[in-house]
Protein backbone atom coordinates (compact mmCIF):
# COMPACT_ATOMS: atom_id res chain seq x y z
CA MET A 1 0.00 0.00 0.00
CA PRO A 2 1.47 3.42 -0.91
CA ALA A 3 2.45 5.67 1.96
CA HIS A 4 0.21 8.59 2.84
CA PRO A 5 1.87 11.80 1.61
CA SER A 6 2.17 13.11 5.19
CA ALA A 7 3.46 9.87 6.71
CA GLN A 8 6.84 9.88 8.37
CA SER A 9 9.40 7.69 6.63
CA ILE A 10 11.21 5.60 9.24
CA VAL A 11 14.20 3.61 7.99
CA VAL A 12 15.62 0.63 9.87
CA ILE A 13 19.15 0.07 8.55
CA ASP A 14 19.70 -3.40 7.07
CA TYR A 15 23.33 -4.50 7.36
CA ASN A 16 22.98 -8.02 8.79
CA GLY A 17 23.16 -6.48 12.24
CA GLY A 18 20.34 -8.52 13.76
CA ASN A 19 17.02 -7.65 15.42
CA LEU A 20 15.84 -5.80 12.31
CA ALA A 21 12.34 -7.25 12.12
CA SER A 22 11.65 -6.91 15.85
CA ALA A 23 12.86 -3.30 15.81
CA ALA A 24 10.63 -2.53 12.83
CA ARG A 25 7.62 -4.15 14.52
CA ALA A 26 8.20 -2.17 17.71
CA LEU A 27 8.44 1.08 15.74
CA SER A 28 5.21 0.30 13.91
CA ARG A 29 3.51 -0.53 17.22
CA ALA A 30 4.78 2.68 18.83
CA ALA A 31 3.52 4.73 15.90
CA ALA A 32 0.09 3.06 15.96
CA ASP A 33 -0.28 3.38 19.73
CA SER A 34 0.61 7.07 19.52
CA GLY A 35 -1.56 7.89 16.51
CA ILE A 36 1.51 8.77 14.44
CA ASP A 37 1.24 8.25 10.69
CA ALA A 38 4.47 6.48 9.78
CA THR A 39 5.84 3.92 7.36
CA VAL A 40 8.64 1.69 8.62
CA THR A 41 11.02 0.19 6.06
CA ILE A 42 13.97 -2.15 6.51
CA THR A 43 16.50 -1.16 3.87
CA ALA A 44 20.16 -0.92 2.85
CA ASP A 45 19.40 1.57 0.07
CA PRO A 46 21.56 4.67 0.62
CA GLN A 47 19.07 6.89 -1.19
CA ALA A 48 16.24 5.75 1.10
CA VAL A 49 18.42 6.53 4.10
CA ARG A 50 19.22 10.01 2.80
CA GLN A 51 15.52 10.74 2.23
CA ALA A 52 14.22 9.23 5.48
CA ASP A 53 12.60 11.35 8.18
CA ARG A 54 14.17 9.19 10.91
CA ILE A 55 16.90 6.56 11.01
CA VAL A 56 17.14 3.58 13.35
CA LEU A 57 20.29 1.45 13.55
CA PRO A 58 19.77 -1.80 15.48
CA GLY A 59 22.65 -4.13 16.24
CA GLN A 60 23.65 -7.22 18.14
CA GLY A 61 26.83 -9.23 18.35
CA ALA A 62 30.33 -7.79 18.04
CA PHE A 63 31.18 -4.15 17.32
CA ALA A 64 33.72 -5.13 14.63
CA ASP A 65 31.26 -7.42 12.85
CA CYS A 66 28.54 -4.76 12.79
CA ALA A 67 30.97 -2.11 11.54
CA ALA A 68 32.12 -4.51 8.80
CA GLY A 69 28.51 -5.20 7.88
CA LEU A 70 27.88 -1.49 7.38
CA ALA A 71 31.06 -1.07 5.35
CA ALA A 72 30.09 -3.98 3.10
CA ARG A 73 26.94 -2.18 1.90
CA PRO A 74 28.11 0.32 -0.76
CA GLY A 75 27.27 3.90 0.14
CA LEU A 76 25.38 3.03 3.33
CA HIS A 77 27.89 4.38 5.86
CA ASP A 78 28.22 7.66 3.95
CA ALA A 79 24.44 7.97 3.61
CA ILE A 80 24.00 7.68 7.38
CA LEU A 81 26.68 10.33 7.91
CA ALA A 82 25.15 12.68 5.33
CA ALA A 83 21.59 12.32 6.62
CA THR A 84 22.49 12.81 10.27
CA ASP A 85 24.84 15.70 9.44
CA ASN A 86 21.80 17.27 7.81
CA GLY A 87 19.78 16.90 11.03
CA THR A 88 17.85 13.65 10.50
CA PRO A 89 17.04 12.17 13.94
CA PHE A 90 18.99 8.96 14.58
CA LEU A 91 18.49 6.20 17.14
CA GLY A 92 21.06 3.45 17.69
CA ILE A 93 20.02 0.31 19.56
CA CYS A 94 22.52 -1.87 21.48
CA VAL A 95 25.54 -2.23 19.14
CA GLY A 96 23.88 0.47 17.02
CA MET A 97 24.39 2.79 19.99
CA GLN A 98 27.95 1.54 20.50
CA LEU A 99 28.82 2.42 16.89
CA MET A 100 28.20 6.07 17.80
CA ALA A 101 31.44 6.04 19.83
CA GLU A 102 34.96 6.79 18.65
CA ARG A 103 36.08 3.18 18.50
CA GLY A 104 35.38 -0.37 19.62
CA ARG A 105 37.89 -2.71 21.23
CA GLU A 106 36.14 -6.00 20.54
CA HIS A 107 38.19 -8.27 18.22
CA GLY A 108 40.78 -5.52 17.74
CA VAL A 109 40.35 -1.77 17.36
CA THR A 110 37.56 -0.68 15.00
CA PRO A 111 36.59 2.95 14.30
CA GLY A 112 33.05 4.04 15.10
CA PHE A 113 31.12 7.05 13.86
CA GLY A 114 32.82 9.28 16.44
CA TRP A 115 29.63 11.16 17.31
CA ILE A 116 30.18 10.79 21.05
CA ALA A 117 33.36 10.58 23.10
CA GLY A 118 34.67 7.28 24.40
CA GLU A 119 35.26 3.73 23.30
CA ILE A 120 33.51 0.39 23.61
CA ALA A 121 35.40 -2.04 25.86
CA LEU A 122 34.76 -5.18 27.88
CA MET A 123 32.77 -4.35 30.99
CA ASP A 124 34.47 -4.49 34.37
CA ALA A 125 31.87 -6.20 36.54
CA PRO A 126 33.66 -8.10 39.35
CA GLY A 127 31.66 -11.06 40.59
CA LEU A 128 28.95 -10.65 37.98
CA ARG A 129 28.29 -12.75 34.92
CA LEU A 130 28.93 -11.41 31.44
CA PRO A 131 27.03 -10.72 29.36
CA GLN A 132 24.70 -8.62 31.43
CA MET A 133 21.46 -10.26 30.37
CA GLY A 134 18.06 -9.21 31.63
CA TRP A 135 16.19 -6.30 33.15
CA ASN A 136 18.03 -3.50 34.90
CA GLN A 137 16.89 -0.16 36.29
CA LEU A 138 17.62 3.07 34.45
CA GLU A 139 19.05 6.00 36.39
CA PHE A 140 18.24 9.23 34.59
CA THR A 141 21.05 11.79 34.62
CA ARG A 142 19.28 14.61 32.80
CA ALA A 143 15.98 15.41 31.14
CA HIS A 144 15.65 14.57 27.45
CA PRO A 145 12.69 14.33 25.05
CA LEU A 146 13.35 10.59 24.54
CA THR A 147 12.65 9.84 28.21
CA GLU A 148 9.62 12.08 28.64
CA GLY A 149 6.83 10.31 30.50
CA LEU A 150 8.94 7.40 31.76
CA PRO A 151 8.48 6.34 35.39
CA GLY A 152 11.26 7.04 37.87
CA GLU A 153 11.94 3.31 38.24
CA ALA A 154 11.93 2.44 34.54
CA HIS A 155 13.78 -0.72 33.49
CA GLY A 156 15.34 -1.74 30.19
CA TYR A 157 16.26 -5.16 28.83
CA PHE A 158 20.04 -5.49 28.40
CA VAL A 159 22.15 -8.09 26.59
CA HIS A 160 25.82 -7.06 26.33
CA SER A 161 29.36 -7.69 27.54
CA PHE A 162 30.92 -4.51 26.13
CA ALA A 163 29.98 -0.96 27.08
CA LEU A 164 30.97 2.67 26.58
CA ARG A 165 33.85 3.95 28.73
CA ASP A 166 35.89 7.18 28.91
CA TYR A 167 32.72 9.00 27.93
CA ASP A 168 31.66 12.62 28.23
CA ALA A 169 29.10 12.97 31.02
CA ALA A 170 27.31 15.61 28.93
CA ASP A 171 26.31 12.85 26.48
CA MET A 172 24.62 10.76 29.18
CA VAL A 173 20.85 10.67 29.50
CA ALA A 174 20.62 7.53 31.64
CA THR A 175 22.91 4.96 33.20
CA THR A 176 22.43 1.61 34.88
CA ASP A 177 24.43 -0.25 37.51
CA TYR A 178 26.16 -3.54 36.76
CA GLY A 179 29.25 -3.77 38.90
CA GLY A 180 29.58 -0.02 38.39
CA THR A 181 28.04 2.72 36.29
CA VAL A 182 27.16 1.65 32.74
CA PRO A 183 25.91 4.10 30.09
CA ALA A 184 22.34 3.18 29.10
CA ILE A 185 21.04 6.12 27.01
CA VAL A 186 23.24 8.66 25.22
CA ALA A 187 22.35 11.68 23.11
CA ARG A 188 24.18 14.45 21.34
CA GLY A 189 22.32 16.75 18.97
CA ASN A 190 20.03 14.75 16.69
CA ARG A 191 21.80 11.44 17.43
CA ALA A 192 20.81 9.21 20.33
CA GLY A 193 21.24 5.60 21.37
CA THR A 194 20.18 3.02 23.93
CA GLN A 195 22.50 0.26 25.17
CA PHE A 196 19.44 -1.80 26.08
CA HIS A 197 17.03 -3.28 23.56
CA VAL A 198 14.09 -0.88 23.36
CA GLU A 199 12.23 -3.36 21.15
CA LYS A 200 12.35 -5.89 24.03
CA SER A 201 11.69 -3.42 26.84
CA GLN A 202 7.90 -3.53 26.69
CA LYS A 203 6.11 -0.33 27.78
CA VAL A 204 9.33 1.53 28.54
CA GLY A 205 10.76 0.70 25.13
CA LEU A 206 7.56 1.61 23.31
CA ARG A 207 7.44 4.94 25.13
CA ILE A 208 11.02 5.73 24.10
CA LEU A 209 10.24 4.82 20.49
CA SER A 210 7.07 6.95 20.56
CA ASN A 211 9.11 9.84 21.92
CA PHE A 212 11.70 9.28 19.18
CA LEU A 213 8.99 9.51 16.52
CA ARG A 214 7.93 12.89 17.97
CA TRP A 215 11.43 14.18 18.67
CA THR A 216 12.41 17.40 16.91
CA PRO A 217 16.02 18.17 17.89
CA ALA A 218 16.80 21.85 18.05
CA SER A 219 18.88 22.97 15.08
CA GLY A 220 22.52 23.46 16.00
CA SER A 221 22.08 22.06 19.51
CA THR A 222 24.51 19.60 21.06
CA PRO A 223 22.65 18.22 24.14
């Protein structure tokens, strides 16, 4: 069915990064529940990415593998850069969020997008099992449109052994505790990410996705 002319175009990046279908379903559910007219497309087409109203980059597995998957799709990496440089709202999920950092240290050193400070390294969680797998409470560090309406004791569903370190506190929106402070939501300008899987985080995840679909980052802002 053709998209309504006023419908938002939401692109879920296809680069063999995993969780694509579940992320797309959650976005469609969030749009329907919020009365937002949106079409959600899973694609690796650079032109579709450049023309999208919003970009979502899911990811699971290793940082290096996901970065290689992006690089293997001709023009896709550059399209994401061009669109987000032009102000298109971006949401990275799990490894998609990690790729926002300067580099990853899983299976060697791999450059990230460099949108936020820090690197992705093995978590230091003495006495705790890795990966962190399951529900964990979010600790909000500042107000942000993506977390509007969330309860004070909101939880997200995490599955990861690597996390952002040496970060800029100004980029933090929420953290969690797993043997120490672990970044959970980051945002800078029109680019944001969640370490936890919003598509698996039930009402909290759907609320974040609904907020993302409404989010209009201020032009030229960095928070």
